[in-house]
Protein backbone atom coordinates (compact mmCIF):
# COMPACT_ATOMS: atom_id res chain seq x y z
CA MET A 1 13.13 15.59 -8.13
CA ASN A 2 12.76 12.10 -6.63
CA GLU A 3 9.51 10.22 -6.85
CA THR A 4 8.14 8.66 -3.68
CA PHE A 5 6.80 5.13 -3.63
CA VAL A 6 5.05 2.98 -1.05
CA ARG A 7 6.17 -0.63 -0.95
CA LEU A 8 3.29 -3.08 -0.68
CA LEU A 9 3.02 -6.72 0.37
CA CYS A 10 -0.18 -8.71 -0.06
CA PRO A 11 -1.05 -10.50 3.20
CA GLY A 12 -2.85 -13.19 1.18
CA CYS A 13 -0.48 -14.23 -1.63
CA GLN A 14 2.75 -12.45 -0.56
CA LYS A 15 3.02 -10.53 -3.86
CA THR A 16 5.23 -7.42 -3.54
CA TRP A 17 5.01 -4.25 -5.59
CA GLU A 18 5.26 -0.46 -5.36
CA ARG A 19 2.81 2.35 -5.99
CA LYS A 20 2.90 6.11 -5.73
CA PRO A 21 1.10 7.28 -2.56
CA ASN A 22 -1.38 9.36 -4.57
CA GLU A 23 -2.44 6.21 -6.49
CA LEU A 24 -3.58 4.46 -3.30
CA PRO A 25 -6.72 4.88 -1.20
CA ALA A 26 -6.38 6.29 2.32
CA HIS A 27 -4.75 3.93 4.82
CA THR A 28 -8.13 3.24 6.49
CA GLU A 29 -10.00 2.46 3.26
CA GLN A 30 -10.36 -0.91 1.54
CA PHE A 31 -7.74 -1.95 -0.99
CA GLY A 32 -7.47 -5.12 -3.05
CA CYS A 33 -4.66 -7.21 -4.48
CA ASP A 34 -4.81 -7.58 -8.26
CA SER A 35 -3.34 -11.08 -8.08
CA CYS A 36 -5.48 -12.86 -5.49
CA ALA A 37 -8.36 -10.43 -4.77
CA THR A 38 -7.54 -10.21 -1.04
CA GLU A 39 -9.25 -7.08 0.35
CA ARG A 40 -8.15 -5.33 3.51
CA ARG A 41 -7.37 -1.83 4.73
CA THR A 42 -4.59 -0.24 2.68
CA ALA A 43 -2.47 0.00 5.85
CA GLU A 44 -2.36 -3.81 6.05
CA PHE A 45 -0.64 -3.94 2.64
CA THR A 46 2.24 -1.62 3.55
CA ARG A 47 5.50 -3.52 4.03
CA THR A 48 6.96 -1.45 6.86
CA ASP A 49 6.01 1.27 9.31
CA HIS A 50 8.00 3.67 7.15
CA ASP A 51 5.85 2.82 4.11
CA LEU A 52 2.72 3.40 6.21
CA ASP A 53 4.08 6.77 7.39
CA VAL A 54 4.79 7.79 3.77
CA LEU A 55 1.24 6.81 2.76
CA LYS A 56 -0.27 8.82 5.64
CA GLN A 57 1.93 11.83 4.86
CA PHE A 58 0.60 12.11 1.31
CA GLN A 59 -3.08 11.78 2.24
């Protein structure tokens, strides 16, 4: 079984990383970068539309 990940990109510091969709808040909720403390909606951290669709699918 393959694990699904959402690719993230911080709009503040440009850090990239991945997380499992069930480890993230809903796409409309606030989420923060561990590196620079930028806080925005989780949807604004997804790298692509596909990543956003994956996040929505699991929530």
